[in-house]
Amino acid sequence: MEFYLDVLRSLGLDGEPLTGERYEAFSKLSGLIVEELVPGQYMDFVMVKIRNEGKGVISFAKTWHAFMEGIKLEEGEHFLIYCTCPMVDRFVVLSRVGENIRLLYRRPSRAT
């Protein structure tokens, strides 16, 4: 596993590797959405875009900015991305499954 915290922090994010045990704990949280990105596909989380570059490389971008490589996962490795803003409880767990990147996340709750 390789990761570049300077890239993540430049986008207002932070992160850390997850053990298999911690990944399992996250996967049991209620209300999770599970999606997979094939190589070349990205997901727009409004504040940041996450793209699967292939071969375990994951890049990140803000709105219209260029994608920057931030993480490289080997098969079966997991990484937790979270927002550094104290007012926001958001996270995305990334996991490599073959050439795909699996994402576990929650939709943000809306205040009424």
PDB file of N, CA and C in Angstrom:
ATOM      1  N   MET A   1       0.847  -1.175   0.000  1.00  0.00           N
ATOM      2  CA  MET A   1       0.000   0.000   0.000  1.00  0.00           C
ATOM      3  C   MET A   1       0.895   1.242   0.000  1.00  0.00           C
ATOM      4  N   GLU A   2       0.500   2.184  -0.817  1.00  0.00           N
ATOM      5  CA  GLU A   2       1.147   3.487  -0.825  1.00  0.00           C
ATOM      6  C   GLU A   2       0.051   4.534  -0.693  1.00  0.00           C
ATOM      7  N   PHE A   3       0.329   5.606   0.071  1.00  0.00           N
ATOM      8  CA  PHE A   3      -0.626   6.703   0.157  1.00  0.00           C
ATOM      9  C   PHE A   3       0.130   7.999   0.411  1.00  0.00           C
ATOM     10  N   TYR A   4      -0.475   9.074  -0.077  1.00  0.00           N
ATOM     11  CA  TYR A   4       0.138  10.398  -0.007  1.00  0.00           C
ATOM     12  C   TYR A   4      -0.798  11.333   0.743  1.00  0.00           C
ATOM     13  N   LEU A   5      -0.552  11.464   2.056  1.00  0.00           N
ATOM     14  CA  LEU A   5      -1.429  12.283   2.888  1.00  0.00           C
ATOM     15  C   LEU A   5      -1.415  13.748   2.464  1.00  0.00           C
ATOM     16  N   ASP A   6      -0.312  14.218   1.874  1.00  0.00           N
ATOM     17  CA  ASP A   6      -0.277  15.608   1.431  1.00  0.00           C
ATOM     18  C   ASP A   6      -1.313  15.860   0.337  1.00  0.00           C
ATOM     19  N   VAL A   7      -1.519  14.886  -0.537  1.00  0.00           N
ATOM     20  CA  VAL A   7      -2.540  15.016  -1.582  1.00  0.00           C
ATOM     21  C   VAL A   7      -3.928  15.061  -0.944  1.00  0.00           C
ATOM     22  N   LEU A   8      -4.200  14.139  -0.029  1.00  0.00           N
ATOM     23  CA  LEU A   8      -5.508  14.105   0.631  1.00  0.00           C
ATOM     24  C   LEU A   8      -5.761  15.385   1.412  1.00  0.00           C
ATOM     25  N   ARG A   9      -4.767  15.824   2.169  1.00  0.00           N
ATOM     26  CA  ARG A   9      -4.941  17.013   3.013  1.00  0.00           C
ATOM     27  C   ARG A   9      -5.119  18.284   2.178  1.00  0.00           C
ATOM     28  N   SER A  10      -4.539  18.315   0.993  1.00  0.00           N
ATOM     29  CA  SER A  10      -4.728  19.482   0.129  1.00  0.00           C
ATOM     30  C   SER A  10      -6.181  19.598  -0.332  1.00  0.00           C
ATOM     31  N   LEU A  11      -6.931  18.499  -0.228  1.00  0.00           N
ATOM     32  CA  LEU A  11      -8.344  18.482  -0.608  1.00  0.00           C
ATOM     33  C   LEU A  11      -9.277  18.518   0.602  1.00  0.00           C
ATOM     34  N   GLY A  12      -8.709  18.731   1.803  1.00  0.00           N
ATOM     35  CA  GLY A  12      -9.527  18.777   3.017  1.00  0.00           C
ATOM     36  C   GLY A  12      -9.899  17.408   3.534  1.00  0.00           C
ATOM     37  N   LEU A  13      -9.100  16.408   3.167  1.00  0.00           N
ATOM     38  CA  LEU A  13      -9.361  15.033   3.588  1.00  0.00           C
ATOM     39  C   LEU A  13      -8.195  14.519   4.414  1.00  0.00           C
ATOM     40  N   ASP A  14      -8.427  13.421   5.095  1.00  0.00           N
ATOM     41  CA  ASP A  14      -7.372  12.702   5.789  1.00  0.00           C
ATOM     42  C   ASP A  14      -7.677  11.227   5.623  1.00  0.00           C
ATOM     43  N   GLY A  15      -6.807  10.381   6.088  1.00  0.00           N
ATOM     44  CA  GLY A  15      -7.072   8.962   5.938  1.00  0.00           C
ATOM     45  C   GLY A  15      -6.054   8.097   6.626  1.00  0.00           C
ATOM     46  N   GLU A  16      -6.351   6.803   6.629  1.00  0.00           N
ATOM     47  CA  GLU A  16      -5.464   5.834   7.263  1.00  0.00           C
ATOM     48  C   GLU A  16      -5.776   4.441   6.725  1.00  0.00           C
ATOM     49  N   PRO A  17      -4.755   3.583   6.698  1.00  0.00           N
ATOM     50  CA  PRO A  17      -4.994   2.194   6.294  1.00  0.00           C
ATOM     51  C   PRO A  17      -5.892   1.496   7.318  1.00  0.00           C
ATOM     52  N   LEU A  18      -6.679   0.544   6.834  1.00  0.00           N
ATOM     53  CA  LEU A  18      -7.532  -0.254   7.720  1.00  0.00           C
ATOM     54  C   LEU A  18      -7.080  -1.702   7.694  1.00  0.00           C
ATOM     55  N   THR A  19      -7.065  -2.316   8.853  1.00  0.00           N
ATOM     56  CA  THR A  19      -6.833  -3.760   8.921  1.00  0.00           C
ATOM     57  C   THR A  19      -8.095  -4.462   8.441  1.00  0.00           C
ATOM     58  N   GLY A  20      -7.994  -5.734   8.142  1.00  0.00           N
ATOM     59  CA  GLY A  20      -9.169  -6.507   7.752  1.00  0.00           C
ATOM     60  C   GLY A  20     -10.249  -6.481   8.814  1.00  0.00           C
ATOM     61  N   GLU A  21      -9.839  -6.507  10.071  1.00  0.00           N
ATOM     62  CA  GLU A  21     -10.794  -6.495  11.185  1.00  0.00           C
ATOM     63  C   GLU A  21     -11.546  -5.169  11.250  1.00  0.00           C
ATOM     64  N   ARG A  22     -10.835  -4.057  11.085  1.00  0.00           N
ATOM     65  CA  ARG A  22     -11.508  -2.749  11.102  1.00  0.00           C
ATOM     66  C   ARG A  22     -12.397  -2.575   9.877  1.00  0.00           C
ATOM     67  N   TYR A  23     -11.971  -3.109   8.729  1.00  0.00           N
ATOM     68  CA  TYR A  23     -12.803  -3.050   7.529  1.00  0.00           C
ATOM     69  C   TYR A  23     -14.120  -3.785   7.774  1.00  0.00           C
ATOM     70  N   GLU A  24     -14.046  -4.952   8.372  1.00  0.00           N
ATOM     71  CA  GLU A  24     -15.257  -5.718   8.690  1.00  0.00           C
ATOM     72  C   GLU A  24     -16.168  -4.933   9.624  1.00  0.00           C
ATOM     73  N   ALA A  25     -15.599  -4.226  10.595  1.00  0.00           N
ATOM     74  CA  ALA A  25     -16.406  -3.420  11.514  1.00  0.00           C
ATOM     75  C   ALA A  25     -17.124  -2.310  10.751  1.00  0.00           C
ATOM     76  N   PHE A  26     -16.417  -1.630   9.837  1.00  0.00           N
ATOM     77  CA  PHE A  26     -17.054  -0.590   9.039  1.00  0.00           C
ATOM     78  C   PHE A  26     -18.148  -1.178   8.159  1.00  0.00           C
ATOM     79  N   SER A  27     -17.910  -2.342   7.586  1.00  0.00           N
ATOM     80  CA  SER A  27     -18.880  -2.927   6.657  1.00  0.00           C
ATOM     81  C   SER A  27     -20.186  -3.323   7.345  1.00  0.00           C
ATOM     82  N   LYS A  28     -20.188  -3.400   8.675  1.00  0.00           N
ATOM     83  CA  LYS A  28     -21.391  -3.768   9.421  1.00  0.00           C
ATOM     84  C   LYS A  28     -22.209  -2.554   9.873  1.00  0.00           C
ATOM     85  N   LEU A  29     -21.718  -1.339   9.600  1.00  0.00           N
ATOM     86  CA  LEU A  29     -22.469  -0.145   9.980  1.00  0.00           C
ATOM     87  C   LEU A  29     -23.783  -0.091   9.203  1.00  0.00           C
ATOM     88  N   SER A  30     -24.821   0.391   9.853  1.00  0.00           N
ATOM     89  CA  SER A  30     -26.121   0.473   9.183  1.00  0.00           C
ATOM     90  C   SER A  30     -26.152   1.648   8.212  1.00  0.00           C
ATOM     91  N   GLY A  31     -26.963   1.506   7.176  1.00  0.00           N
ATOM     92  CA  GLY A  31     -27.173   2.576   6.219  1.00  0.00           C
ATOM     93  C   GLY A  31     -26.053   2.794   5.222  1.00  0.00           C
ATOM     94  N   LEU A  32     -25.152   1.834   5.086  1.00  0.00           N
ATOM     95  CA  LEU A  32     -24.038   1.987   4.149  1.00  0.00           C
ATOM     96  C   LEU A  32     -24.465   1.734   2.714  1.00  0.00           C
ATOM     97  N   ILE A  33     -23.842   2.461   1.818  1.00  0.00           N
ATOM     98  CA  ILE A  33     -23.995   2.228   0.380  1.00  0.00           C
ATOM     99  C   ILE A  33     -22.703   1.578  -0.086  1.00  0.00           C
ATOM    100  N   VAL A  34     -22.824   0.530  -0.883  1.00  0.00           N
ATOM    101  CA  VAL A  34     -21.658  -0.174  -1.407  1.00  0.00           C
ATOM    102  C   VAL A  34     -21.683  -0.037  -2.927  1.00  0.00           C
ATOM    103  N   GLU A  35     -20.600   0.499  -3.484  1.00  0.00           N
ATOM    104  CA  GLU A  35     -20.488   0.638  -4.930  1.00  0.00           C
ATOM    105  C   GLU A  35     -19.089   0.234  -5.350  1.00  0.00           C
ATOM    106  N   GLU A  36     -18.939  -0.104  -6.623  1.00  0.00           N
ATOM    107  CA  GLU A  36     -17.621  -0.438  -7.153  1.00  0.00           C
ATOM    108  C   GLU A  36     -17.324   0.431  -8.361  1.00  0.00           C
ATOM    109  N   LEU A  37     -16.084   0.901  -8.421  1.00  0.00           N
ATOM    110  CA  LEU A  37     -15.607   1.669  -9.557  1.00  0.00           C
ATOM    111  C   LEU A  37     -14.702   0.789 -10.412  1.00  0.00           C
ATOM    112  N   VAL A  38     -15.007   0.706 -11.685  1.00  0.00           N
ATOM    113  CA  VAL A  38     -14.129   0.001 -12.615  1.00  0.00           C
ATOM    114  C   VAL A  38     -13.027   0.977 -13.023  1.00  0.00           C
ATOM    115  N   PRO A  39     -11.909   0.488 -13.572  1.00  0.00           N
ATOM    116  CA  PRO A  39     -10.846   1.400 -13.994  1.00  0.00           C
ATOM    117  C   PRO A  39     -11.375   2.474 -14.947  1.00  0.00           C
ATOM    118  N   GLY A  40     -10.991   3.723 -14.663  1.00  0.00           N
ATOM    119  CA  GLY A  40     -11.421   4.865 -15.461  1.00  0.00           C
ATOM    120  C   GLY A  40     -12.692   5.528 -14.961  1.00  0.00           C
ATOM    121  N   GLN A  41     -13.424   4.876 -14.079  1.00  0.00           N
ATOM    122  CA  GLN A  41     -14.683   5.423 -13.567  1.00  0.00           C
ATOM    123  C   GLN A  41     -14.415   6.255 -12.311  1.00  0.00           C
ATOM    124  N   TYR A  42     -15.232   7.303 -12.118  1.00  0.00           N
ATOM    125  CA  TYR A  42     -15.090   8.096 -10.899  1.00  0.00           C
ATOM    126  C   TYR A  42     -16.450   8.330 -10.268  1.00  0.00           C
ATOM    127  N   MET A  43     -16.410   8.720  -8.997  1.00  0.00           N
ATOM    128  CA  MET A  43     -17.622   9.063  -8.261  1.00  0.00           C
ATOM    129  C   MET A  43     -17.452  10.479  -7.739  1.00  0.00           C
ATOM    130  N   ASP A  44     -18.487  11.280  -7.908  1.00  0.00           N
ATOM    131  CA  ASP A  44     -18.462  12.676  -7.484  1.00  0.00           C
ATOM    132  C   ASP A  44     -19.160  12.789  -6.136  1.00  0.00           C
ATOM    133  N   PHE A  45     -18.398  13.148  -5.104  1.00  0.00           N
ATOM    134  CA  PHE A  45     -18.949  13.343  -3.765  1.00  0.00           C
ATOM    135  C   PHE A  45     -19.153  14.831  -3.471  1.00  0.00           C
ATOM    136  N   VAL A  46     -19.359  15.643  -4.472  1.00  0.00           N
ATOM    137  CA  VAL A  46     -19.579  17.081  -4.425  1.00  0.00           C
ATOM    138  C   VAL A  46     -18.296  17.831  -4.019  1.00  0.00           C
ATOM    139  N   MET A  47     -17.758  17.546  -2.857  1.00  0.00           N
ATOM    140  CA  MET A  47     -16.539  18.232  -2.408  1.00  0.00           C
ATOM    141  C   MET A  47     -15.280  17.627  -3.031  1.00  0.00           C
ATOM    142  N   VAL A  48     -15.360  16.389  -3.444  1.00  0.00           N
ATOM    143  CA  VAL A  48     -14.195  15.712  -4.018  1.00  0.00           C
ATOM    144  C   VAL A  48     -14.668  14.602  -4.939  1.00  0.00           C
ATOM    145  N   LYS A  49     -13.888  14.354  -5.973  1.00  0.00           N
ATOM    146  CA  LYS A  49     -14.140  13.231  -6.871  1.00  0.00           C
ATOM    147  C   LYS A  49     -13.082  12.173  -6.608  1.00  0.00           C
ATOM    148  N   ILE A  50     -13.501  10.910  -6.654  1.00  0.00           N
ATOM    149  CA  ILE A  50     -12.597   9.783  -6.449  1.00  0.00           C
ATOM    150  C   ILE A  50     -12.637   8.937  -7.714  1.00  0.00           C
ATOM    151  N   ARG A  51     -11.454   8.660  -8.305  1.00  0.00           N
ATOM    152  CA  ARG A  51     -11.393   7.918  -9.563  1.00  0.00           C
ATOM    153  C   ARG A  51     -10.473   6.707  -9.433  1.00  0.00           C
ATOM    154  N   ASN A  52     -10.920   5.593 -10.005  1.00  0.00           N
ATOM    155  CA  ASN A  52     -10.118   4.381 -10.096  1.00  0.00           C
ATOM    156  C   ASN A  52      -9.289   4.486 -11.369  1.00  0.00           C
ATOM    157  N   GLU A  53      -7.987   4.616 -11.214  1.00  0.00           N
ATOM    158  CA  GLU A  53      -7.083   4.727 -12.364  1.00  0.00           C
ATOM    159  C   GLU A  53      -6.700   3.351 -12.913  1.00  0.00           C
ATOM    160  N   GLY A  54      -7.010   2.294 -12.165  1.00  0.00           N
ATOM    161  CA  GLY A  54      -6.617   0.938 -12.549  1.00  0.00           C
ATOM    162  C   GLY A  54      -5.374   0.508 -11.793  1.00  0.00           C
ATOM    163  N   LYS A  55      -5.176  -0.793 -11.698  1.00  0.00           N
ATOM    164  CA  LYS A  55      -4.023  -1.385 -11.004  1.00  0.00           C
ATOM    165  C   LYS A  55      -3.901  -0.906  -9.561  1.00  0.00           C
ATOM    166  N   GLY A  56      -5.049  -0.605  -8.932  1.00  0.00           N
ATOM    167  CA  GLY A  56      -5.074  -0.212  -7.525  1.00  0.00           C
ATOM    168  C   GLY A  56      -4.800   1.251  -7.257  1.00  0.00           C
ATOM    169  N   VAL A  57      -4.568   2.046  -8.284  1.00  0.00           N
ATOM    170  CA  VAL A  57      -4.275   3.474  -8.110  1.00  0.00           C
ATOM    171  C   VAL A  57      -5.587   4.256  -8.040  1.00  0.00           C
ATOM    172  N   ILE A  58      -5.687   5.095  -7.000  1.00  0.00           N
ATOM    173  CA  ILE A  58      -6.875   5.905  -6.785  1.00  0.00           C
ATOM    174  C   ILE A  58      -6.448   7.365  -6.775  1.00  0.00           C
ATOM    175  N   SER A  59      -7.155   8.187  -7.561  1.00  0.00           N
ATOM    176  CA  SER A  59      -6.828   9.605  -7.614  1.00  0.00           C
ATOM    177  C   SER A  59      -8.022  10.430  -7.144  1.00  0.00           C
ATOM    178  N   PHE A  60      -7.732  11.685  -6.809  1.00  0.00           N
ATOM    179  CA  PHE A  60      -8.714  12.574  -6.205  1.00  0.00           C
ATOM    180  C   PHE A  60      -8.650  13.935  -6.889  1.00  0.00           C
ATOM    181  N   ALA A  61      -9.802  14.620  -6.952  1.00  0.00           N
ATOM    182  CA  ALA A  61      -9.848  15.962  -7.520  1.00  0.00           C
ATOM    183  C   ALA A  61     -10.984  16.749  -6.881  1.00  0.00           C
ATOM    184  N   LYS A  62     -10.809  18.059  -6.852  1.00  0.00           N
ATOM    185  CA  LYS A  62     -11.890  18.970  -6.465  1.00  0.00           C
ATOM    186  C   LYS A  62     -12.514  19.503  -7.728  1.00  0.00           C
ATOM    187  N   THR A  63     -13.807  19.540  -7.789  1.00  0.00           N
ATOM    188  CA  THR A  63     -14.602  20.071  -8.907  1.00  0.00           C
ATOM    189  C   THR A  63     -13.904  19.910 -10.247  1.00  0.00           C
ATOM    190  N   TRP A  64     -13.435  20.974 -10.854  1.00  0.00           N
ATOM    191  CA  TRP A  64     -12.890  20.916 -12.211  1.00  0.00           C
ATOM    192  C   TRP A  64     -11.366  20.744 -12.225  1.00  0.00           C
ATOM    193  N   HIS A  65     -10.716  20.625 -11.078  1.00  0.00           N
ATOM    194  CA  HIS A  65      -9.267  20.503 -11.030  1.00  0.00           C
ATOM    195  C   HIS A  65      -8.796  19.138 -11.531  1.00  0.00           C
ATOM    196  N   ALA A  66      -7.521  19.049 -11.847  1.00  0.00           N
ATOM    197  CA  ALA A  66      -6.936  17.795 -12.323  1.00  0.00           C
ATOM    198  C   ALA A  66      -6.911  16.754 -11.211  1.00  0.00           C
ATOM    199  N   PHE A  67      -7.045  15.498 -11.589  1.00  0.00           N
ATOM    200  CA  PHE A  67      -6.944  14.399 -10.630  1.00  0.00           C
ATOM    201  C   PHE A  67      -5.492  14.220 -10.200  1.00  0.00           C
ATOM    202  N   MET A  68      -5.301  13.966  -8.896  1.00  0.00           N
ATOM    203  CA  MET A  68      -3.973  13.711  -8.333  1.00  0.00           C
ATOM    204  C   MET A  68      -3.983  12.327  -7.700  1.00  0.00           C
ATOM    205  N   GLU A  69      -2.964  11.526  -8.008  1.00  0.00           N
ATOM    206  CA  GLU A  69      -2.871  10.197  -7.409  1.00  0.00           C
ATOM    207  C   GLU A  69      -2.627  10.329  -5.909  1.00  0.00           C
ATOM    208  N   GLY A  70      -3.417   9.590  -5.136  1.00  0.00           N
ATOM    209  CA  GLY A  70      -3.309   9.684  -3.686  1.00  0.00           C
ATOM    210  C   GLY A  70      -3.069   8.370  -2.981  1.00  0.00           C
ATOM    211  N   ILE A  71      -3.545   7.259  -3.584  1.00  0.00           N
ATOM    212  CA  ILE A  71      -3.455   5.957  -2.909  1.00  0.00           C
ATOM    213  C   ILE A  71      -3.198   4.879  -3.952  1.00  0.00           C
ATOM    214  N   LYS A  72      -2.403   3.886  -3.559  1.00  0.00           N
ATOM    215  CA  LYS A  72      -2.266   2.674  -4.374  1.00  0.00           C
ATOM    216  C   LYS A  72      -2.489   1.489  -3.445  1.00  0.00           C
ATOM    217  N   LEU A  73      -3.522   0.698  -3.753  1.00  0.00           N
ATOM    218  CA  LEU A  73      -3.868  -0.461  -2.946  1.00  0.00           C
ATOM    219  C   LEU A  73      -3.499  -1.742  -3.667  1.00  0.00           C
ATOM    220  N   GLU A  74      -3.026  -2.702  -2.922  1.00  0.00           N
ATOM    221  CA  GLU A  74      -2.838  -4.054  -3.431  1.00  0.00           C
ATOM    222  C   GLU A  74      -4.146  -4.814  -3.197  1.00  0.00           C
ATOM    223  N   GLU A  75      -4.288  -5.942  -3.837  1.00  0.00           N
ATOM    224  CA  GLU A  75      -5.492  -6.771  -3.695  1.00  0.00           C
ATOM    225  C   GLU A  75      -5.811  -6.999  -2.219  1.00  0.00           C
ATOM    226  N   GLY A  76      -7.074  -6.722  -1.845  1.00  0.00           N
ATOM    227  CA  GLY A  76      -7.542  -6.978  -0.483  1.00  0.00           C
ATOM    228  C   GLY A  76      -7.176  -5.916   0.541  1.00  0.00           C
ATOM    229  N   GLU A  77      -6.467  -4.861   0.150  1.00  0.00           N
ATOM    230  CA  GLU A  77      -6.129  -3.801   1.101  1.00  0.00           C
ATOM    231  C   GLU A  77      -7.272  -2.799   1.192  1.00  0.00           C
ATOM    232  N   HIS A  78      -7.331  -2.094   2.332  1.00  0.00           N
ATOM    233  CA  HIS A  78      -8.428  -1.172   2.623  1.00  0.00           C
ATOM    234  C   HIS A  78      -7.862   0.144   3.143  1.00  0.00           C
ATOM    235  N   PHE A  79      -8.566   1.230   2.821  1.00  0.00           N
ATOM    236  CA  PHE A  79      -8.138   2.556   3.277  1.00  0.00           C
ATOM    237  C   PHE A  79      -9.368   3.381   3.622  1.00  0.00           C
ATOM    238  N   LEU A  80      -9.289   4.086   4.741  1.00  0.00           N
ATOM    239  CA  LEU A  80     -10.375   4.948   5.215  1.00  0.00           C
ATOM    240  C   LEU A  80     -10.053   6.396   4.863  1.00  0.00           C
ATOM    241  N   ILE A  81     -10.991   7.064   4.187  1.00  0.00           N
ATOM    242  CA  ILE A  81     -10.889   8.492   3.870  1.00  0.00           C
ATOM    243  C   ILE A  81     -11.945   9.202   4.702  1.00  0.00           C
ATOM    244  N   TYR A  82     -11.561  10.296   5.347  1.00  0.00           N
ATOM    245  CA  TYR A  82     -12.551  11.057   6.094  1.00  0.00           C
ATOM    246  C   TYR A  82     -12.299  12.548   5.947  1.00  0.00           C
ATOM    247  N   CYS A  83     -13.356  13.309   6.128  1.00  0.00           N
ATOM    248  CA  CYS A  83     -13.311  14.763   6.026  1.00  0.00           C
ATOM    249  C   CYS A  83     -12.676  15.318   7.288  1.00  0.00           C
ATOM    250  N   THR A  84     -11.786  16.298   7.150  1.00  0.00           N
ATOM    251  CA  THR A  84     -11.126  16.880   8.318  1.00  0.00           C
ATOM    252  C   THR A  84     -11.939  18.005   8.951  1.00  0.00           C
ATOM    253  N   CYS A  85     -13.061  18.356   8.333  1.00  0.00           N
ATOM    254  CA  CYS A  85     -13.919  19.401   8.888  1.00  0.00           C
ATOM    255  C   CYS A  85     -14.641  18.849  10.117  1.00  0.00           C
ATOM    256  N   PRO A  86     -14.522  19.507  11.276  1.00  0.00           N
ATOM    257  CA  PRO A  86     -15.137  18.957  12.497  1.00  0.00           C
ATOM    258  C   PRO A  86     -16.667  18.980  12.485  1.00  0.00           C
ATOM    259  N   MET A  87     -17.273  19.736  11.580  1.00  0.00           N
ATOM    260  CA  MET A  87     -18.730  19.838  11.535  1.00  0.00           C
ATOM    261  C   MET A  87     -19.362  18.774  10.631  1.00  0.00           C
ATOM    262  N   VAL A  88     -18.538  17.965   9.971  1.00  0.00           N
ATOM    263  CA  VAL A  88     -19.054  17.002   9.002  1.00  0.00           C
ATOM    264  C   VAL A  88     -18.624  15.602   9.402  1.00  0.00           C
ATOM    265  N   ASP A  89     -19.579  14.684   9.462  1.00  0.00           N
ATOM    266  CA  ASP A  89     -19.270  13.286   9.763  1.00  0.00           C
ATOM    267  C   ASP A  89     -19.387  12.497   8.469  1.00  0.00           C
ATOM    268  N   ARG A  90     -18.329  12.509   7.662  1.00  0.00           N
ATOM    269  CA  ARG A  90     -18.344  11.801   6.385  1.00  0.00           C
ATOM    270  C   ARG A  90     -17.115  10.924   6.272  1.00  0.00           C
ATOM    271  N   PHE A  91     -17.318   9.773   5.670  1.00  0.00           N
ATOM    272  CA  PHE A  91     -16.191   8.884   5.421  1.00  0.00           C
ATOM    273  C   PHE A  91     -16.478   8.046   4.187  1.00  0.00           C
ATOM    274  N   VAL A  92     -15.406   7.553   3.583  1.00  0.00           N
ATOM    275  CA  VAL A  92     -15.483   6.591   2.491  1.00  0.00           C
ATOM    276  C   VAL A  92     -14.408   5.560   2.759  1.00  0.00           C
ATOM    277  N   VAL A  93     -14.791   4.306   2.760  1.00  0.00           N
ATOM    278  CA  VAL A  93     -13.819   3.227   2.890  1.00  0.00           C
ATOM    279  C   VAL A  93     -13.572   2.675   1.490  1.00  0.00           C
ATOM    280  N   LEU A  94     -12.304   2.620   1.107  1.00  0.00           N
ATOM    281  CA  LEU A  94     -11.898   2.116  -0.199  1.00  0.00           C
ATOM    282  C   LEU A  94     -11.264   0.751  -0.029  1.00  0.00           C
ATOM    283  N   SER A  95     -11.584  -0.160  -0.915  1.00  0.00           N
ATOM    284  CA  SER A  95     -11.033  -1.510  -0.853  1.00  0.00           C
ATOM    285  C   SER A  95     -10.787  -1.996  -2.274  1.00  0.00           C
ATOM    286  N   ARG A  96      -9.638  -2.613  -2.489  1.00  0.00           N
ATOM    287  CA  ARG A  96      -9.362  -3.140  -3.826  1.00  0.00           C
ATOM    288  C   ARG A  96      -9.889  -4.563  -3.934  1.00  0.00           C
ATOM    289  N   VAL A  97     -10.680  -4.786  -4.986  1.00  0.00           N
ATOM    290  CA  VAL A  97     -11.241  -6.103  -5.280  1.00  0.00           C
ATOM    291  C   VAL A  97     -10.927  -6.379  -6.750  1.00  0.00           C
ATOM    292  N   GLY A  98      -9.847  -7.095  -7.006  1.00  0.00           N
ATOM    293  CA  GLY A  98      -9.399  -7.296  -8.377  1.00  0.00           C
ATOM    294  C   GLY A  98      -8.966  -5.967  -8.962  1.00  0.00           C
ATOM    295  N   GLU A  99      -9.488  -5.609 -10.130  1.00  0.00           N
ATOM    296  CA  GLU A  99      -9.178  -4.313 -10.736  1.00  0.00           C
ATOM    297  C   GLU A  99     -10.147  -3.216 -10.290  1.00  0.00           C
ATOM    298  N   ASN A 100     -11.206  -3.605  -9.569  1.00  0.00           N
ATOM    299  CA  ASN A 100     -12.200  -2.642  -9.123  1.00  0.00           C
ATOM    300  C   ASN A 100     -11.855  -2.086  -7.749  1.00  0.00           C
ATOM    301  N   ILE A 101     -12.399  -0.907  -7.469  1.00  0.00           N
ATOM    302  CA  ILE A 101     -12.284  -0.304  -6.148  1.00  0.00           C
ATOM    303  C   ILE A 101     -13.688  -0.260  -5.545  1.00  0.00           C
ATOM    304  N   ARG A 102     -13.851  -0.918  -4.419  1.00  0.00           N
ATOM    305  CA  ARG A 102     -15.142  -0.930  -3.714  1.00  0.00           C
ATOM    306  C   ARG A 102     -15.175   0.248  -2.746  1.00  0.00           C
ATOM    307  N   LEU A 103     -16.291   0.950  -2.738  1.00  0.00           N
ATOM    308  CA  LEU A 103     -16.493   2.086  -1.838  1.00  0.00           C
ATOM    309  C   LEU A 103     -17.624   1.767  -0.873  1.00  0.00           C
ATOM    310  N   LEU A 104     -17.408   2.044   0.392  1.00  0.00           N
ATOM    311  CA  LEU A 104     -18.442   1.962   1.428  1.00  0.00           C
ATOM    312  C   LEU A 104     -18.609   3.373   1.977  1.00  0.00           C
ATOM    313  N   TYR A 105     -19.838   3.885   1.963  1.00  0.00           N
ATOM    314  CA  TYR A 105     -20.063   5.235   2.458  1.00  0.00           C
ATOM    315  C   TYR A 105     -21.530   5.399   2.855  1.00  0.00           C
ATOM    316  N   ARG A 106     -21.807   6.486   3.526  1.00  0.00           N
ATOM    317  CA  ARG A 106     -23.183   6.850   3.886  1.00  0.00           C
ATOM    318  C   ARG A 106     -23.559   8.107   3.130  1.00  0.00           C
ATOM    319  N   ARG A 107     -24.806   8.200   2.771  1.00  0.00           N
ATOM    320  CA  ARG A 107     -25.296   9.461   2.206  1.00  0.00           C
ATOM    321  C   ARG A 107     -25.374  10.459   3.345  1.00  0.00           C
ATOM    322  N   PRO A 108     -25.008  11.711   3.085  1.00  0.00           N
ATOM    323  CA  PRO A 108     -25.108  12.706   4.171  1.00  0.00           C
ATOM    324  C   PRO A 108     -26.558  12.896   4.584  1.00  0.00           C
ATOM    325  N   SER A 109     -26.773  13.051   5.868  1.00  0.00           N
ATOM    326  CA  SER A 109     -28.140  13.304   6.342  1.00  0.00           C
ATOM    327  C   SER A 109     -28.496  14.755   6.071  1.00  0.00           C
ATOM    328  N   ARG A 110     -29.745  14.972   5.824  1.00  0.00           N
ATOM    329  CA  ARG A 110     -30.219  16.324   5.524  1.00  0.00           C
ATOM    330  C   ARG A 110     -30.954  16.878   6.735  1.00  0.00           C
ATOM    331  N   ALA A 111     -30.599  18.091   7.100  1.00  0.00           N
ATOM    332  CA  ALA A 111     -31.285  18.748   8.217  1.00  0.00           C
ATOM    333  C   ALA A 111     -32.685  19.166   7.762  1.00  0.00           C
ATOM    334  N   THR A 112     -33.635  19.082   8.647  1.00  0.00           N
ATOM    335  CA  THR A 112     -35.010  19.473   8.298  1.00  0.00           C
ATOM    336  C   THR A 112     -35.422  20.708   9.061  1.00  0.00           C
TER     337      THR A 112
END
